Each structure stands twice: as C-alpha cells, then as structure tokens.
C-alpha atoms as a PDB file:
ATOM      1  CA  MET A   1      73.396 169.975  86.943  1.00  0.00           C
ATOM      2  CA  SER A   2      75.021 170.745  83.592  1.00  0.00           C
ATOM      3  CA  TYR A   3      75.204 174.227  82.119  1.00  0.00           C
ATOM      4  CA  GLU A   4      76.066 175.109  78.535  1.00  0.00           C
ATOM      5  CA  GLU A   5      79.275 177.085  78.203  1.00  0.00           C
ATOM      6  CA  VAL A   6      79.180 180.050  75.807  1.00  0.00           C
ATOM      7  CA  ARG A   7      81.469 182.915  74.832  1.00  0.00           C
ATOM      8  CA  PHE A   8      80.249 186.390  73.879  1.00  0.00           C
ATOM      9  CA  ALA A   9      80.923 187.006  70.171  1.00  0.00           C
ATOM     10  CA  ARG A  10      80.324 190.752  70.554  1.00  0.00           C
ATOM     11  CA  ASP A  11      79.796 193.348  73.261  1.00  0.00           C
ATOM     12  CA  CYS A  12      76.300 192.848  74.615  1.00  0.00           C
ATOM     13  CA  ASN A  13      73.906 194.656  76.946  1.00  0.00           C
ATOM     14  CA  ALA A  14      72.706 192.480  79.825  1.00  0.00           C
ATOM     15  CA  VAL A  15      70.738 193.033  83.022  1.00  0.00           C
ATOM     16  CA  GLN A  16      72.496 192.195  86.272  1.00  0.00           C
ATOM     17  CA  ILE A  17      70.432 189.873  88.499  1.00  0.00           C
ATOM     18  CA  PRO A  18      68.914 190.695  90.966  1.00  0.00           C
ATOM     19  CA  GLN A  19      70.014 194.345  90.971  1.00  0.00           C
ATOM     20  CA  GLY A  20      68.424 195.175  87.617  1.00  0.00           C
ATOM     21  CA  ASN A  21      71.366 197.286  86.411  1.00  0.00           C
ATOM     22  CA  THR A  22      72.181 197.266  82.699  1.00  0.00           C
ATOM     23  CA  VAL A  23      75.814 196.420  81.978  1.00  0.00           C
ATOM     24  CA  VAL A  24      77.846 195.712  78.857  1.00  0.00           C
ATOM     25  CA  ILE A  25      79.455 192.289  78.758  1.00  0.00           C
ATOM     26  CA  PRO A  26      82.551 192.497  76.551  1.00  0.00           C
ATOM     27  CA  SER A  27      83.203 190.348  73.509  1.00  0.00           C
ATOM     28  CA  GLY A  28      85.212 187.242  74.398  1.00  0.00           C
ATOM     29  CA  THR A  29      83.761 186.899  77.907  1.00  0.00           C
ATOM     30  CA  GLY A  30      82.992 183.318  78.892  1.00  0.00           C
ATOM     31  CA  ALA A  31      79.692 182.404  80.571  1.00  0.00           C
ATOM     32  CA  PHE A  32      77.366 179.511  81.386  1.00  0.00           C
ATOM     33  CA  VAL A  33      73.692 179.418  80.365  1.00  0.00           C
ATOM     34  CA  THR A  34      71.749 178.546  83.538  1.00  0.00           C
ATOM     35  CA  GLN A  35      68.243 179.148  82.181  1.00  0.00           C
ATOM     36  CA  SER A  36      66.718 179.648  78.738  1.00  0.00           C
ATOM     37  CA  LEU A  37      63.003 180.330  79.053  1.00  0.00           C
ATOM     38  CA  GLY A  38      60.583 182.791  77.507  1.00  0.00           C
ATOM     39  CA  GLY A  39      63.084 183.855  74.853  1.00  0.00           C
ATOM     40  CA  SER A  40      65.701 185.268  77.225  1.00  0.00           C
ATOM     41  CA  TYR A  41      68.821 183.738  78.750  1.00  0.00           C
ATOM     42  CA  THR A  42      70.129 183.730  82.310  1.00  0.00           C
ATOM     43  CA  LEU A  43      73.911 183.474  82.379  1.00  0.00           C
ATOM     44  CA  GLN A  44      76.464 182.908  85.114  1.00  0.00           C
ATOM     45  CA  VAL A  45      79.463 185.074  84.210  1.00  0.00           C
ATOM     46  CA  PRO A  46      82.340 184.043  86.510  1.00  0.00           C
ATOM     47  CA  SER A  47      84.659 186.910  85.509  1.00  0.00           C
ATOM     48  CA  LEU A  48      81.956 189.444  86.478  1.00  0.00           C
ATOM     49  CA  GLY A  49      80.898 187.534  89.599  1.00  0.00           C
ATOM     50  CA  GLY A  50      77.205 187.013  89.076  1.00  0.00           C
ATOM     51  CA  LEU A  51      74.088 186.295  87.085  1.00  0.00           C
ATOM     52  CA  PHE A  52      73.002 188.294  84.045  1.00  0.00           C
ATOM     53  CA  ARG A  53      69.939 188.243  81.778  1.00  0.00           C
ATOM     54  CA  VAL A  54      70.434 188.539  78.030  1.00  0.00           C
ATOM     55  CA  ALA A  55      67.369 189.435  75.969  1.00  0.00           C
ATOM     56  CA  GLY A  56      66.329 187.208  73.099  1.00  0.00           C
ATOM     57  CA  ALA A  57      67.036 190.069  70.690  1.00  0.00           C
ATOM     58  CA  ASP A  58      70.727 189.750  71.672  1.00  0.00           C
ATOM     59  CA  ALA A  59      70.883 185.937  71.534  1.00  0.00           C
ATOM     60  CA  ASP A  60      73.310 186.067  68.599  1.00  0.00           C
ATOM     61  CA  ALA A  61      75.947 187.477  70.980  1.00  0.00           C
ATOM     62  CA  ILE A  62      76.082 184.053  72.690  1.00  0.00           C
ATOM     63  CA  GLY A  63      75.645 181.946  69.562  1.00  0.00           C
ATOM     64  CA  LYS A  64      71.869 181.484  69.837  1.00  0.00           C
ATOM     65  CA  GLN A  65      69.077 182.282  67.410  1.00  0.00           C
ATOM     66  CA  VAL A  66      67.624 185.756  67.847  1.00  0.00           C
ATOM     67  CA  ALA A  67      64.109 185.610  69.273  1.00  0.00           C
ATOM     68  CA  THR A  68      61.354 187.096  67.181  1.00  0.00           C
ATOM     69  CA  ALA A  69      58.378 188.921  68.661  1.00  0.00           C
ATOM     70  CA  GLU A  70      55.832 186.624  70.237  1.00  0.00           C
ATOM     71  CA  THR A  71      52.683 186.769  68.154  1.00  0.00           C
ATOM     72  CA  ALA A  72      50.351 184.200  69.666  1.00  0.00           C
ATOM     73  CA  GLY A  73      47.357 185.958  68.167  1.00  0.00           C
ATOM     74  CA  ALA A  74      48.893 186.724  64.784  1.00  0.00           C
ATOM     75  CA  GLY A  75      46.394 186.354  61.999  1.00  0.00           C
ATOM     76  CA  SER A  76      43.420 186.492  64.341  1.00  0.00           C
ATOM     77  CA  THR A  77      40.719 189.068  63.971  1.00  0.00           C
ATOM     78  CA  GLY A  78      38.414 190.695  66.436  1.00  0.00           C
ATOM     79  CA  PRO A  79      39.057 192.007  69.907  1.00  0.00           C
ATOM     80  CA  VAL A  80      41.870 190.725  72.093  1.00  0.00           C
ATOM     81  CA  THR A  81      40.822 187.985  74.506  1.00  0.00           C
ATOM     82  CA  GLU A  82      41.749 187.305  78.121  1.00  0.00           C
ATOM     83  CA  GLU A  83      42.997 183.877  77.069  1.00  0.00           C
ATOM     84  CA  SER A  84      45.459 185.352  74.543  1.00  0.00           C
ATOM     85  CA  ILE A  85      46.799 187.774  77.161  1.00  0.00           C
ATOM     86  CA  TRP A  86      47.240 185.002  79.757  1.00  0.00           C
ATOM     87  CA  ASP A  87      49.060 182.956  77.103  1.00  0.00           C
ATOM     88  CA  GLN A  88      51.465 185.831  76.468  1.00  0.00           C
ATOM     89  CA  LEU A  89      52.071 186.320  80.199  1.00  0.00           C
ATOM     90  CA  LYS A  90      52.928 182.629  80.519  1.00  0.00           C
ATOM     91  CA  GLY A  91      55.965 183.385  78.335  1.00  0.00           C
ATOM     92  CA  VAL A  92      57.414 185.790  80.935  1.00  0.00           C
ATOM     93  CA  TYR A  93      59.883 184.349  83.441  1.00  0.00           C
ATOM     94  CA  ASP A  94      61.739 185.510  86.506  1.00  0.00           C
ATOM     95  CA  PRO A  95      65.363 184.942  85.405  1.00  0.00           C
ATOM     96  CA  GLU A  96      66.156 183.095  88.640  1.00  0.00           C
ATOM     97  CA  ILE A  97      63.107 180.803  88.747  1.00  0.00           C
ATOM     98  CA  PRO A  98      62.169 178.321  85.971  1.00  0.00           C
ATOM     99  CA  VAL A  99      58.427 179.022  86.286  1.00  0.00           C
ATOM    100  CA  ASN A 100      56.453 181.684  84.391  1.00  0.00           C
ATOM    101  CA  ILE A 101      54.971 184.677  86.239  1.00  0.00           C
ATOM    102  CA  VAL A 102      51.404 183.373  85.913  1.00  0.00           C
ATOM    103  CA  ASP A 103      52.185 180.007  87.512  1.00  0.00           C
ATOM    104  CA  LEU A 104      54.306 181.741  90.170  1.00  0.00           C
ATOM    105  CA  GLY A 105      51.162 183.643  91.170  1.00  0.00           C
ATOM    106  CA  LEU A 106      52.746 187.027  90.439  1.00  0.00           C
ATOM    107  CA  VAL A 107      49.888 188.345  88.252  1.00  0.00           C
ATOM    108  CA  TYR A 108      47.193 189.765  90.513  1.00  0.00           C
ATOM    109  CA  ASP A 109      44.834 191.448  88.053  1.00  0.00           C
ATOM    110  CA  MET A 110      44.270 191.857  84.324  1.00  0.00           C
ATOM    111  CA  ARG A 111      41.654 194.120  82.731  1.00  0.00           C
ATOM    112  CA  ILE A 112      40.785 194.854  79.118  1.00  0.00           C
ATOM    113  CA  GLU A 113      39.223 198.183  78.129  1.00  0.00           C
ATOM    114  CA  ASP A 114      37.806 198.903  74.671  1.00  0.00           C
ATOM    115  CA  VAL A 115      39.349 202.106  73.286  1.00  0.00           C
ATOM    116  CA  GLY A 116      37.423 202.038  69.986  1.00  0.00           C
ATOM    117  CA  GLY A 117      38.300 201.020  66.472  1.00  0.00           C
ATOM    118  CA  GLY A 118      38.622 197.367  67.462  1.00  0.00           C
ATOM    119  CA  GLN A 119      41.485 198.225  69.786  1.00  0.00           C
ATOM    120  CA  SER A 120      41.914 197.656  73.517  1.00  0.00           C
ATOM    121  CA  ARG A 121      44.013 198.846  76.410  1.00  0.00           C
ATOM    122  CA  VAL A 122      45.232 196.117  78.748  1.00  0.00           C
ATOM    123  CA  ASP A 123      46.077 196.869  82.374  1.00  0.00           C
ATOM    124  CA  VAL A 124      47.941 194.291  84.449  1.00  0.00           C
ATOM    125  CA  LYS A 125      48.881 194.388  88.114  1.00  0.00           C
ATOM    126  CA  MET A 126      51.670 192.070  89.170  1.00  0.00           C
ATOM    127  CA  THR A 127      54.114 191.650  91.990  1.00  0.00           C
ATOM    128  CA  LEU A 128      57.530 190.082  92.537  1.00  0.00           C
ATOM    129  CA  THR A 129      58.697 187.353  94.866  1.00  0.00           C
ATOM    130  CA  ALA A 130      60.652 189.914  96.933  1.00  0.00           C
ATOM    131  CA  PRO A 131      60.133 193.677  97.353  1.00  0.00           C
ATOM    132  CA  GLY A 132      63.847 194.473  96.950  1.00  0.00           C
ATOM    133  CA  CYS A 133      64.213 192.654  93.619  1.00  0.00           C
ATOM    134  CA  GLY A 134      65.726 194.905  90.985  1.00  0.00           C
ATOM    135  CA  MET A 135      64.286 192.778  88.193  1.00  0.00           C
ATOM    136  CA  GLY A 136      60.798 194.316  88.489  1.00  0.00           C
ATOM    137  CA  GLY A 137      61.451 196.716  85.621  1.00  0.00           C
ATOM    138  CA  PRO A 138      62.795 194.134  83.166  1.00  0.00           C
ATOM    139  CA  ILE A 139      60.101 191.562  84.047  1.00  0.00           C
ATOM    140  CA  SER A 140      57.220 194.052  83.798  1.00  0.00           C
ATOM    141  CA  MET A 141      58.611 195.477  80.523  1.00  0.00           C
ATOM    142  CA  ASP A 142      58.813 191.952  79.095  1.00  0.00           C
ATOM    143  CA  ALA A 143      55.146 191.410  80.043  1.00  0.00           C
ATOM    144  CA  LYS A 144      54.129 194.764  78.516  1.00  0.00           C
ATOM    145  CA  HIS A 145      56.004 194.063  75.282  1.00  0.00           C
ATOM    146  CA  ARG A 146      54.468 190.595  74.909  1.00  0.00           C
ATOM    147  CA  ILE A 147      50.931 191.897  75.455  1.00  0.00           C
ATOM    148  CA  GLU A 148      51.469 194.727  72.939  1.00  0.00           C
ATOM    149  CA  THR A 149      52.385 192.199  70.221  1.00  0.00           C
ATOM    150  CA  LEU A 150      48.815 190.875  70.242  1.00  0.00           C
ATOM    151  CA  PRO A 151      46.473 192.040  67.472  1.00  0.00           C
ATOM    152  CA  GLY A 152      43.854 194.382  68.886  1.00  0.00           C
ATOM    153  CA  VAL A 153      46.071 195.755  71.665  1.00  0.00           C
ATOM    154  CA  ALA A 154      46.652 199.491  71.315  1.00  0.00           C
ATOM    155  CA  GLU A 155      48.378 199.904  74.680  1.00  0.00           C
ATOM    156  CA  ALA A 156      49.421 197.829  77.659  1.00  0.00           C
ATOM    157  CA  ASN A 157      50.249 198.982  81.174  1.00  0.00           C
ATOM    158  CA  VAL A 158      51.935 196.662  83.649  1.00  0.00           C
ATOM    159  CA  ASP A 159      52.192 197.965  87.200  1.00  0.00           C
ATOM    160  CA  VAL A 160      54.230 196.292  89.944  1.00  0.00           C
ATOM    161  CA  VAL A 161      52.292 196.343  93.222  1.00  0.00           C
ATOM    162  CA  TRP A 162      53.093 195.017  96.693  1.00  0.00           C
ATOM    163  CA  ASP A 163      49.654 194.444  98.181  1.00  0.00           C
ATOM    164  CA  PRO A 164      48.903 191.741  98.939  1.00  0.00           C
ATOM    165  CA  PRO A 165      52.447 190.496  99.578  1.00  0.00           C
ATOM    166  CA  TRP A 166      53.401 187.460  97.497  1.00  0.00           C
ATOM    167  CA  SER A 167      53.876 184.109  99.216  1.00  0.00           C
ATOM    168  CA  PRO A 168      54.773 180.615  97.938  1.00  0.00           C
ATOM    169  CA  GLN A 169      51.152 179.540  98.533  1.00  0.00           C
ATOM    170  CA  MET A 170      50.234 181.610  95.441  1.00  0.00           C
ATOM    171  CA  ILE A 171      52.146 179.258  93.123  1.00  0.00           C
ATOM    172  CA  SER A 172      49.842 177.218  90.869  1.00  0.00           C
ATOM    173  CA  PRO A 173      49.815 173.418  91.020  1.00  0.00           C
ATOM    174  CA  GLU A 174      51.743 173.393  87.697  1.00  0.00           C
ATOM    175  CA  GLY A 175      54.370 175.750  89.116  1.00  0.00           C
ATOM    176  CA  ARG A 176      54.651 173.739  92.319  1.00  0.00           C
ATOM    177  CA  ALA A 177      55.252 170.581  90.284  1.00  0.00           C
ATOM    178  CA  LYS A 178      58.007 172.263  88.212  1.00  0.00           C
ATOM    179  CA  LEU A 179      59.690 173.424  91.419  1.00  0.00           C
ATOM    180  CA  GLY A 180      59.349 169.998  93.059  1.00  0.00           C
ATOM    181  CA  MET A 181      57.212 171.433  95.867  1.00  0.00           C
ATOM    182  CA  ASP A 182      54.585 168.669  95.823  1.00  0.00           C
END
C-alpha cells in the first residue's frame, strides 16, 4: 500500500485517532495521508506516534484544496427530503475505515420534523463501531454539519447511542464489498 507523503505548511489543529483529543501539529511536521474521504484526511504522523484527522477546512496546511461546505441540495426548493439527508450522511466517514457511516450500518434512525416556515428539524441516532471510540464527537459533528447545509434544515441533532450494539452484520452489501468481506 502506498501513502502520499506531506509536510505541514503551518500549525494545524487535528483530532487524535481514536482518542478524539484535539492537538496542534506544528508547521514542518512530516506525515503520510492514509485516507482522504468525505472531505477530511487521516494522517499517520510518525513523529507524534499515531493517526490524526485533519478537517477539510484545514486541507491547505497539507497542500490540499480546502473543502467547501457540502450543498447537495443547493438550489432546490421545498422541504428537505429523506433522500437528501441520507446523501449527506454518506459523505461522513470513520477516519479509520474507508466506508461511510450509512454503509457501515452506524445510522440507526433519522426523523424529520416540520418546524414551520418551510423549515425542518432533523434528528439522527447513530452509533460507533466500538463504545470506547473517542471519535464519536467528531463523527457526529461532521454528520450534523453536513445535514445543516441542506436547504430547508433549520436544526439538526445527531445523538450517539449504544443500543442496539453495532456488529459487522449491520454493514451494507456495498460496504462489505469495499471492505472485501464478500
């Protein structure tokens, strides 16, 4: 497997994987891009001894194009649809697994409530592959942000739940194929 080598051009906030701690990676630090999905980057940083997630908004720090807000429904009118929300959630990735949270089977429930004025509140319940994973906050915040970029969404709530416990059997056929499980 080949990873792209990069060097940080400026100090940059990153999230330590799997702990979920925010750290500052100093300018000049060398790293290897191990995953680039959903607009964020997973990096192996040998001098810091681990994996780190860099948000798309900070992509310039590693010589990449800064990600713009996902606007799958931009220009559309009318109420938000379930399909548009599922599409946004398919852009959210666990930084250690190259499959989106929908195909991993991490999204348990999604509800849309009309709050008037052509606006909706979206409530999502999701889980993680392991209860001790510190990435729950960053992953759920990414999902919330992506949903809130949709026209017609006034508010989004993404709650991490543990019941029922996740298992590999929840992975979709598409996810299983990407992971070489079938």
